[in-house]
């Protein structure tokens, strides 16, 4: 996979679980890596900024660093400890949104993000750049069947709460406990029927304004804030 951008690449360089195969960098970026004490595990290829840009799509911002790396291994859902909070993504396909969710998940020390093998974005450079280094910090668990995965989490003691803007209960008003799985639905469509039916509870984010639903990455941040305060 191709990683680019300062935070994305430096996080990968400092992650012992990430194998870097090639590093392309400007002279300024290499100096900054040295100044910040970041060890470079491979011999870098020094390139001009325009040559780096030519390796990416026109809208990609490389900030002097591009790395070619092996993907990180996806842990099995059965191996997740029955503690803390996990996020479950029900067919969220926009890599910018998933990247932003990962960044928020890292900020709230989320144990893992669970997503499906189909109808979810690959861990590409766009997702990694949006995650701003969080791809190296939050394990991504990939499952074939989300309803079965949720049932497995419930059997291990997780409270599973699906976010639904039409739910009768406010997330901030219900009793939450860890281990907790917060389930987020796809952009526009929300939770699939079977996903919602599998959850222990459905809850909404009670918003005071005239707009009652948020972008899924914003909704994840608010939900995690509420859940973290309620279960700390």
C-alpha atoms as a PDB file:
ATOM      1  CA  UNK A   1       0.000   0.000   0.000  1.00  0.00           C
ATOM      2  CA  UNK A   2       1.023   3.602  -0.600  1.00  0.00           C
ATOM      3  CA  UNK A   3       1.239   5.945   2.406  1.00  0.00           C
ATOM      4  CA  UNK A   4       1.843   9.662   2.114  1.00  0.00           C
ATOM      5  CA  UNK A   5       1.854  12.751   4.282  1.00  0.00           C
ATOM      6  CA  UNK A   6       3.967  13.648   7.297  1.00  0.00           C
ATOM      7  CA  UNK A   7       1.879  12.227  10.154  1.00  0.00           C
ATOM      8  CA  UNK A   8       0.847   9.141   8.189  1.00  0.00           C
ATOM      9  CA  UNK A   9       4.361   8.144   7.132  1.00  0.00           C
ATOM     10  CA  UNK A  10       6.132   9.015  10.389  1.00  0.00           C
ATOM     11  CA  UNK A  11       3.567   6.964  12.335  1.00  0.00           C
ATOM     12  CA  UNK A  12       4.236   4.041   9.992  1.00  0.00           C
ATOM     13  CA  UNK A  13       8.002   4.452  10.341  1.00  0.00           C
ATOM     14  CA  UNK A  14       7.741   4.279  14.134  1.00  0.00           C
ATOM     15  CA  UNK A  15       5.330   1.322  14.166  1.00  0.00           C
ATOM     16  CA  UNK A  16       7.338  -1.889  14.707  1.00  0.00           C
ATOM     17  CA  UNK A  17       4.470  -3.920  13.226  1.00  0.00           C
ATOM     18  CA  UNK A  18       4.619  -2.058   9.891  1.00  0.00           C
ATOM     19  CA  UNK A  19       7.053  -3.277   7.239  1.00  0.00           C
ATOM     20  CA  UNK A  20       8.302  -0.418   5.074  1.00  0.00           C
ATOM     21  CA  UNK A  21       9.548  -1.523   1.659  1.00  0.00           C
ATOM     22  CA  UNK A  22      10.458   1.799   0.036  1.00  0.00           C
ATOM     23  CA  UNK A  23      10.671   5.400   1.236  1.00  0.00           C
ATOM     24  CA  UNK A  24      10.648   8.412  -1.087  1.00  0.00           C
ATOM     25  CA  UNK A  25      11.444  11.742   0.508  1.00  0.00           C
ATOM     26  CA  UNK A  26      12.582  15.279  -0.132  1.00  0.00           C
ATOM     27  CA  UNK A  27      15.832  16.476   1.404  1.00  0.00           C
ATOM     28  CA  UNK A  28      13.914  18.766   3.756  1.00  0.00           C
ATOM     29  CA  UNK A  29      11.714  15.903   4.956  1.00  0.00           C
ATOM     30  CA  UNK A  30      14.737  13.693   5.626  1.00  0.00           C
ATOM     31  CA  UNK A  31      16.353  16.452   7.655  1.00  0.00           C
ATOM     32  CA  UNK A  32      13.173  16.879   9.668  1.00  0.00           C
ATOM     33  CA  UNK A  33      13.009  13.111  10.309  1.00  0.00           C
ATOM     34  CA  UNK A  34      16.573  13.223  11.596  1.00  0.00           C
ATOM     35  CA  UNK A  35      15.849  16.283  13.748  1.00  0.00           C
ATOM     36  CA  UNK A  36      12.870  14.520  15.328  1.00  0.00           C
ATOM     37  CA  UNK A  37      14.818  11.312  15.899  1.00  0.00           C
ATOM     38  CA  UNK A  38      12.708   9.162  13.571  1.00  0.00           C
ATOM     39  CA  UNK A  39      14.617   6.067  12.467  1.00  0.00           C
ATOM     40  CA  UNK A  40      14.364   5.268   8.767  1.00  0.00           C
ATOM     41  CA  UNK A  41      14.395   1.453   8.351  1.00  0.00           C
ATOM     42  CA  UNK A  42      15.215   1.481   4.621  1.00  0.00           C
ATOM     43  CA  UNK A  43      17.547   3.508   2.444  1.00  0.00           C
ATOM     44  CA  UNK A  44      15.409   6.452   1.248  1.00  0.00           C
ATOM     45  CA  UNK A  45      15.241   7.668  -2.331  1.00  0.00           C
ATOM     46  CA  UNK A  46      15.629  11.442  -2.375  1.00  0.00           C
ATOM     47  CA  UNK A  47      13.259  13.172  -4.801  1.00  0.00           C
ATOM     48  CA  UNK A  48      12.129  16.669  -5.636  1.00  0.00           C
ATOM     49  CA  UNK A  49       8.653  17.662  -4.416  1.00  0.00           C
ATOM     50  CA  UNK A  50       7.225  17.712  -7.941  1.00  0.00           C
ATOM     51  CA  UNK A  51       8.569  14.214  -8.613  1.00  0.00           C
ATOM     52  CA  UNK A  52       6.883  12.986  -5.437  1.00  0.00           C
ATOM     53  CA  UNK A  53       3.623  14.652  -6.457  1.00  0.00           C
ATOM     54  CA  UNK A  54       3.768  12.904  -9.823  1.00  0.00           C
ATOM     55  CA  UNK A  55       3.539   9.541  -8.031  1.00  0.00           C
ATOM     56  CA  UNK A  56       0.176  10.451  -6.497  1.00  0.00           C
ATOM     57  CA  UNK A  57      -3.216  11.723  -7.585  1.00  0.00           C
ATOM     58  CA  UNK A  58      -3.426  15.500  -8.125  1.00  0.00           C
ATOM     59  CA  UNK A  59      -5.343  16.135  -4.882  1.00  0.00           C
ATOM     60  CA  UNK A  60      -2.937  14.177  -2.654  1.00  0.00           C
ATOM     61  CA  UNK A  61      -0.704  16.215  -0.312  1.00  0.00           C
ATOM     62  CA  UNK A  62       2.550  14.342   0.304  1.00  0.00           C
ATOM     63  CA  UNK A  63       4.383  16.873   2.576  1.00  0.00           C
ATOM     64  CA  UNK A  64       7.681  15.452   1.363  1.00  0.00           C
ATOM     65  CA  UNK A  65       7.114  11.788   2.252  1.00  0.00           C
ATOM     66  CA  UNK A  66       5.774   8.725   0.444  1.00  0.00           C
ATOM     67  CA  UNK A  67       6.200   5.154   1.670  1.00  0.00           C
ATOM     68  CA  UNK A  68       5.427   1.786   0.124  1.00  0.00           C
ATOM     69  CA  UNK A  69       4.503  -0.604   2.925  1.00  0.00           C
ATOM     70  CA  UNK A  70       2.905  -3.957   3.635  1.00  0.00           C
ATOM     71  CA  UNK A  71      -0.645  -3.841   5.032  1.00  0.00           C
ATOM     72  CA  UNK A  72      -1.057  -4.438   8.745  1.00  0.00           C
ATOM     73  CA  UNK A  73      -2.527  -7.751   9.813  1.00  0.00           C
ATOM     74  CA  UNK A  74      -6.181  -7.744  10.852  1.00  0.00           C
ATOM     75  CA  UNK A  75      -6.708  -9.378  14.257  1.00  0.00           C
ATOM     76  CA  UNK A  76      -9.495 -11.922  14.723  1.00  0.00           C
ATOM     77  CA  UNK A  77     -12.540 -10.567  16.503  1.00  0.00           C
ATOM     78  CA  UNK A  78     -12.339 -13.465  18.981  1.00  0.00           C
ATOM     79  CA  UNK A  79      -8.930 -12.190  20.056  1.00  0.00           C
ATOM     80  CA  UNK A  80     -10.214  -8.778  21.136  1.00  0.00           C
ATOM     81  CA  UNK A  81     -10.173  -8.395  24.915  1.00  0.00           C
ATOM     82  CA  UNK A  82     -13.631  -8.045  26.458  1.00  0.00           C
ATOM     83  CA  UNK A  83     -12.816  -4.590  27.799  1.00  0.00           C
ATOM     84  CA  UNK A  84     -13.195  -0.972  26.757  1.00  0.00           C
ATOM     85  CA  UNK A  85     -15.066   0.358  23.734  1.00  0.00           C
ATOM     86  CA  UNK A  86     -15.055  -0.845  20.148  1.00  0.00           C
ATOM     87  CA  UNK A  87     -16.600   0.825  17.112  1.00  0.00           C
ATOM     88  CA  UNK A  88     -18.510  -1.286  14.599  1.00  0.00           C
ATOM     89  CA  UNK A  89     -18.968   0.148  11.095  1.00  0.00           C
ATOM     90  CA  UNK A  90     -21.944  -1.093   9.086  1.00  0.00           C
ATOM     91  CA  UNK A  91     -20.918  -0.679   5.422  1.00  0.00           C
ATOM     92  CA  UNK A  92     -19.362   2.782   5.746  1.00  0.00           C
ATOM     93  CA  UNK A  93     -17.633   3.155   2.387  1.00  0.00           C
ATOM     94  CA  UNK A  94     -16.125   6.652   2.269  1.00  0.00           C
ATOM     95  CA  UNK A  95     -12.380   6.392   3.061  1.00  0.00           C
ATOM     96  CA  UNK A  96     -12.313  10.003   4.311  1.00  0.00           C
ATOM     97  CA  UNK A  97     -15.030   9.196   6.839  1.00  0.00           C
ATOM     98  CA  UNK A  98     -13.392   5.953   7.944  1.00  0.00           C
ATOM     99  CA  UNK A  99     -10.054   7.726   8.292  1.00  0.00           C
ATOM    100  CA  UNK A 100     -11.636  10.460  10.407  1.00  0.00           C
ATOM    101  CA  UNK A 101     -13.372   7.809  12.533  1.00  0.00           C
ATOM    102  CA  UNK A 102     -10.026   6.079  13.107  1.00  0.00           C
ATOM    103  CA  UNK A 103      -8.469   9.365  14.206  1.00  0.00           C
ATOM    104  CA  UNK A 104     -11.294   9.922  16.693  1.00  0.00           C
ATOM    105  CA  UNK A 105     -11.045   6.307  17.828  1.00  0.00           C
ATOM    106  CA  UNK A 106      -7.348   6.786  18.597  1.00  0.00           C
ATOM    107  CA  UNK A 107      -8.127   9.942  20.573  1.00  0.00           C
ATOM    108  CA  UNK A 108     -10.605   8.027  22.759  1.00  0.00           C
ATOM    109  CA  UNK A 109      -8.367   4.937  23.120  1.00  0.00           C
ATOM    110  CA  UNK A 110     -10.879   2.721  21.326  1.00  0.00           C
ATOM    111  CA  UNK A 111      -9.823  -0.933  21.483  1.00  0.00           C
ATOM    112  CA  UNK A 112     -10.621  -1.699  17.826  1.00  0.00           C
ATOM    113  CA  UNK A 113     -12.698  -0.757  14.813  1.00  0.00           C
ATOM    114  CA  UNK A 114     -14.733  -3.605  13.329  1.00  0.00           C
ATOM    115  CA  UNK A 115     -15.738  -3.453   9.687  1.00  0.00           C
ATOM    116  CA  UNK A 116     -16.913  -5.787   6.936  1.00  0.00           C
ATOM    117  CA  UNK A 117     -14.810  -7.391   4.223  1.00  0.00           C
ATOM    118  CA  UNK A 118     -17.276  -6.113   1.606  1.00  0.00           C
ATOM    119  CA  UNK A 119     -18.770  -2.616   1.315  1.00  0.00           C
ATOM    120  CA  UNK A 120     -15.931  -0.971   3.216  1.00  0.00           C
ATOM    121  CA  UNK A 121     -12.889   0.934   1.962  1.00  0.00           C
ATOM    122  CA  UNK A 122      -9.456  -0.638   1.787  1.00  0.00           C
ATOM    123  CA  UNK A 123      -6.730   0.868   3.942  1.00  0.00           C
ATOM    124  CA  UNK A 124      -5.461   3.011   1.073  1.00  0.00           C
ATOM    125  CA  UNK A 125      -3.370   6.163   1.151  1.00  0.00           C
ATOM    126  CA  UNK A 126      -6.525   8.328   1.194  1.00  0.00           C
ATOM    127  CA  UNK A 127      -7.862   6.574   4.284  1.00  0.00           C
ATOM    128  CA  UNK A 128      -4.455   6.604   5.961  1.00  0.00           C
ATOM    129  CA  UNK A 129      -3.976  10.325   5.255  1.00  0.00           C
ATOM    130  CA  UNK A 130      -7.428  11.102   6.694  1.00  0.00           C
ATOM    131  CA  UNK A 131      -6.557   9.034   9.765  1.00  0.00           C
ATOM    132  CA  UNK A 132      -3.407  11.152  10.295  1.00  0.00           C
ATOM    133  CA  UNK A 133      -1.389   8.329  11.833  1.00  0.00           C
ATOM    134  CA  UNK A 134      -4.261   6.568  13.611  1.00  0.00           C
ATOM    135  CA  UNK A 135      -4.103   3.647  11.169  1.00  0.00           C
ATOM    136  CA  UNK A 136      -1.007   2.552  13.095  1.00  0.00           C
ATOM    137  CA  UNK A 137      -2.713   2.902  16.488  1.00  0.00           C
ATOM    138  CA  UNK A 138      -6.192   1.371  16.222  1.00  0.00           C
ATOM    139  CA  UNK A 139      -6.564  -2.286  15.158  1.00  0.00           C
ATOM    140  CA  UNK A 140      -9.009  -2.844  12.294  1.00  0.00           C
ATOM    141  CA  UNK A 141     -10.922  -6.116  12.584  1.00  0.00           C
ATOM    142  CA  UNK A 142     -12.397  -7.338   9.292  1.00  0.00           C
ATOM    143  CA  UNK A 143     -15.371  -9.714   9.472  1.00  0.00           C
ATOM    144  CA  UNK A 144     -17.412 -11.497   6.834  1.00  0.00           C
ATOM    145  CA  UNK A 145     -20.795 -11.243   8.570  1.00  0.00           C
ATOM    146  CA  UNK A 146     -21.522  -8.241  10.784  1.00  0.00           C
ATOM    147  CA  UNK A 147     -24.615  -9.632  12.498  1.00  0.00           C
ATOM    148  CA  UNK A 148     -22.689 -12.782  13.435  1.00  0.00           C
ATOM    149  CA  UNK A 149     -19.791 -10.661  14.701  1.00  0.00           C
ATOM    150  CA  UNK A 150     -22.161  -8.604  16.861  1.00  0.00           C
ATOM    151  CA  UNK A 151     -23.717 -11.785  18.247  1.00  0.00           C
ATOM    152  CA  UNK A 152     -20.216 -12.984  19.133  1.00  0.00           C
ATOM    153  CA  UNK A 153     -19.433  -9.734  20.934  1.00  0.00           C
ATOM    154  CA  UNK A 154     -22.711  -9.966  22.867  1.00  0.00           C
ATOM    155  CA  UNK A 155     -21.887 -13.537  23.905  1.00  0.00           C
ATOM    156  CA  UNK A 156     -18.612 -12.250  25.362  1.00  0.00           C
ATOM    157  CA  UNK A 157     -20.377  -9.612  27.467  1.00  0.00           C
ATOM    158  CA  UNK A 158     -20.343  -6.569  25.179  1.00  0.00           C
ATOM    159  CA  UNK A 159     -23.297  -4.203  25.328  1.00  0.00           C
ATOM    160  CA  UNK A 160     -24.083  -3.434  21.678  1.00  0.00           C
ATOM    161  CA  UNK A 161     -25.696  -0.064  20.959  1.00  0.00           C
ATOM    162  CA  UNK A 162     -26.625   0.999  17.438  1.00  0.00           C
ATOM    163  CA  UNK A 163     -26.868   4.688  16.559  1.00  0.00           C
ATOM    164  CA  UNK A 164     -30.116   5.562  14.790  1.00  0.00           C
ATOM    165  CA  UNK A 165     -31.428   9.110  14.412  1.00  0.00           C
ATOM    166  CA  UNK A 166     -35.006   7.748  14.661  1.00  0.00           C
ATOM    167  CA  UNK A 167     -34.436   5.764  17.873  1.00  0.00           C
ATOM    168  CA  UNK A 168     -36.700   6.672  20.804  1.00  0.00           C
ATOM    169  CA  UNK A 169     -33.896   6.799  23.405  1.00  0.00           C
ATOM    170  CA  UNK A 170     -31.155   9.411  23.753  1.00  0.00           C
ATOM    171  CA  UNK A 171     -27.677   7.863  23.985  1.00  0.00           C
ATOM    172  CA  UNK A 172     -26.813  10.193  26.858  1.00  0.00           C
ATOM    173  CA  UNK A 173     -29.873   9.053  28.815  1.00  0.00           C
ATOM    174  CA  UNK A 174     -29.430   5.280  28.696  1.00  0.00           C
ATOM    175  CA  UNK A 175     -27.233   3.247  31.015  1.00  0.00           C
ATOM    176  CA  UNK A 176     -23.971   2.331  29.310  1.00  0.00           C
ATOM    177  CA  UNK A 177     -21.325  -0.098  30.461  1.00  0.00           C
ATOM    178  CA  UNK A 178     -18.048  -1.560  29.255  1.00  0.00           C
ATOM    179  CA  UNK A 179     -17.270  -3.621  27.317  1.00  0.00           C
ATOM    180  CA  UNK A 180     -19.279  -1.583  24.832  1.00  0.00           C
ATOM    181  CA  UNK A 181     -19.701  -1.795  21.075  1.00  0.00           C
ATOM    182  CA  UNK A 182     -21.056   1.335  19.367  1.00  0.00           C
ATOM    183  CA  UNK A 183     -22.479   0.523  15.940  1.00  0.00           C
ATOM    184  CA  UNK A 184     -22.495   3.186  13.214  1.00  0.00           C
ATOM    185  CA  UNK A 185     -24.515   2.971  10.010  1.00  0.00           C
ATOM    186  CA  UNK A 186     -23.573   3.858   6.466  1.00  0.00           C
ATOM    187  CA  UNK A 187     -23.698   7.381   5.080  1.00  0.00           C
ATOM    188  CA  UNK A 188     -27.283   8.206   4.121  1.00  0.00           C
ATOM    189  CA  UNK A 189     -28.692   4.701   4.666  1.00  0.00           C
ATOM    190  CA  UNK A 190     -27.966   4.257   8.360  1.00  0.00           C
ATOM    191  CA  UNK A 191     -27.967   0.840  10.010  1.00  0.00           C
ATOM    192  CA  UNK A 192     -29.186  -2.112   8.001  1.00  0.00           C
ATOM    193  CA  UNK A 193     -32.310  -3.764   9.416  1.00  0.00           C
ATOM    194  CA  UNK A 194     -30.553  -6.948  10.517  1.00  0.00           C
ATOM    195  CA  UNK A 195     -27.736  -4.967  12.126  1.00  0.00           C
ATOM    196  CA  UNK A 196     -30.169  -2.862  14.113  1.00  0.00           C
ATOM    197  CA  UNK A 197     -32.179  -5.920  15.137  1.00  0.00           C
ATOM    198  CA  UNK A 198     -29.018  -7.628  16.418  1.00  0.00           C
ATOM    199  CA  UNK A 199     -28.039  -4.712  18.685  1.00  0.00           C
ATOM    200  CA  UNK A 200     -29.058  -4.761  22.351  1.00  0.00           C
ATOM    201  CA  UNK A 201     -30.235  -1.148  22.127  1.00  0.00           C
ATOM    202  CA  UNK A 202     -30.783   1.560  19.550  1.00  0.00           C
ATOM    203  CA  UNK A 203     -30.126   5.153  20.532  1.00  0.00           C
ATOM    204  CA  UNK A 204     -30.061   8.577  18.926  1.00  0.00           C
ATOM    205  CA  UNK A 205     -27.829  11.568  19.457  1.00  0.00           C
ATOM    206  CA  UNK A 206     -30.190  14.168  20.908  1.00  0.00           C
ATOM    207  CA  UNK A 207     -29.325  17.363  19.025  1.00  0.00           C
ATOM    208  CA  UNK A 208     -30.918  20.719  19.923  1.00  0.00           C
ATOM    209  CA  UNK A 209     -30.830  22.200  16.424  1.00  0.00           C
ATOM    210  CA  UNK A 210     -33.119  21.720  13.436  1.00  0.00           C
ATOM    211  CA  UNK A 211     -30.729  19.187  11.833  1.00  0.00           C
ATOM    212  CA  UNK A 212     -31.054  15.891  13.689  1.00  0.00           C
ATOM    213  CA  UNK A 213     -28.342  13.829  12.023  1.00  0.00           C
ATOM    214  CA  UNK A 214     -24.586  14.290  11.649  1.00  0.00           C
ATOM    215  CA  UNK A 215     -21.922  13.120   9.258  1.00  0.00           C
ATOM    216  CA  UNK A 216     -20.932   9.664  10.479  1.00  0.00           C
ATOM    217  CA  UNK A 217     -17.430  10.726  11.506  1.00  0.00           C
ATOM    218  CA  UNK A 218     -18.855  13.605  13.573  1.00  0.00           C
ATOM    219  CA  UNK A 219     -21.476  11.282  15.039  1.00  0.00           C
ATOM    220  CA  UNK A 220     -18.747   8.848  16.090  1.00  0.00           C
ATOM    221  CA  UNK A 221     -16.889  11.621  17.932  1.00  0.00           C
ATOM    222  CA  UNK A 222     -19.979  12.736  19.842  1.00  0.00           C
ATOM    223  CA  UNK A 223     -21.028   9.162  20.629  1.00  0.00           C
ATOM    224  CA  UNK A 224     -17.562   8.285  21.920  1.00  0.00           C
ATOM    225  CA  UNK A 225     -17.490  11.399  24.096  1.00  0.00           C
ATOM    226  CA  UNK A 226     -20.850  10.474  25.633  1.00  0.00           C
ATOM    227  CA  UNK A 227     -19.867   6.810  26.075  1.00  0.00           C
ATOM    228  CA  UNK A 228     -16.446   7.579  27.536  1.00  0.00           C
ATOM    229  CA  UNK A 229     -17.921   9.942  30.145  1.00  0.00           C
ATOM    230  CA  UNK A 230     -20.714   7.507  31.028  1.00  0.00           C
ATOM    231  CA  UNK A 231     -18.426   4.491  31.473  1.00  0.00           C
ATOM    232  CA  UNK A 232     -15.279   6.036  32.984  1.00  0.00           C
END
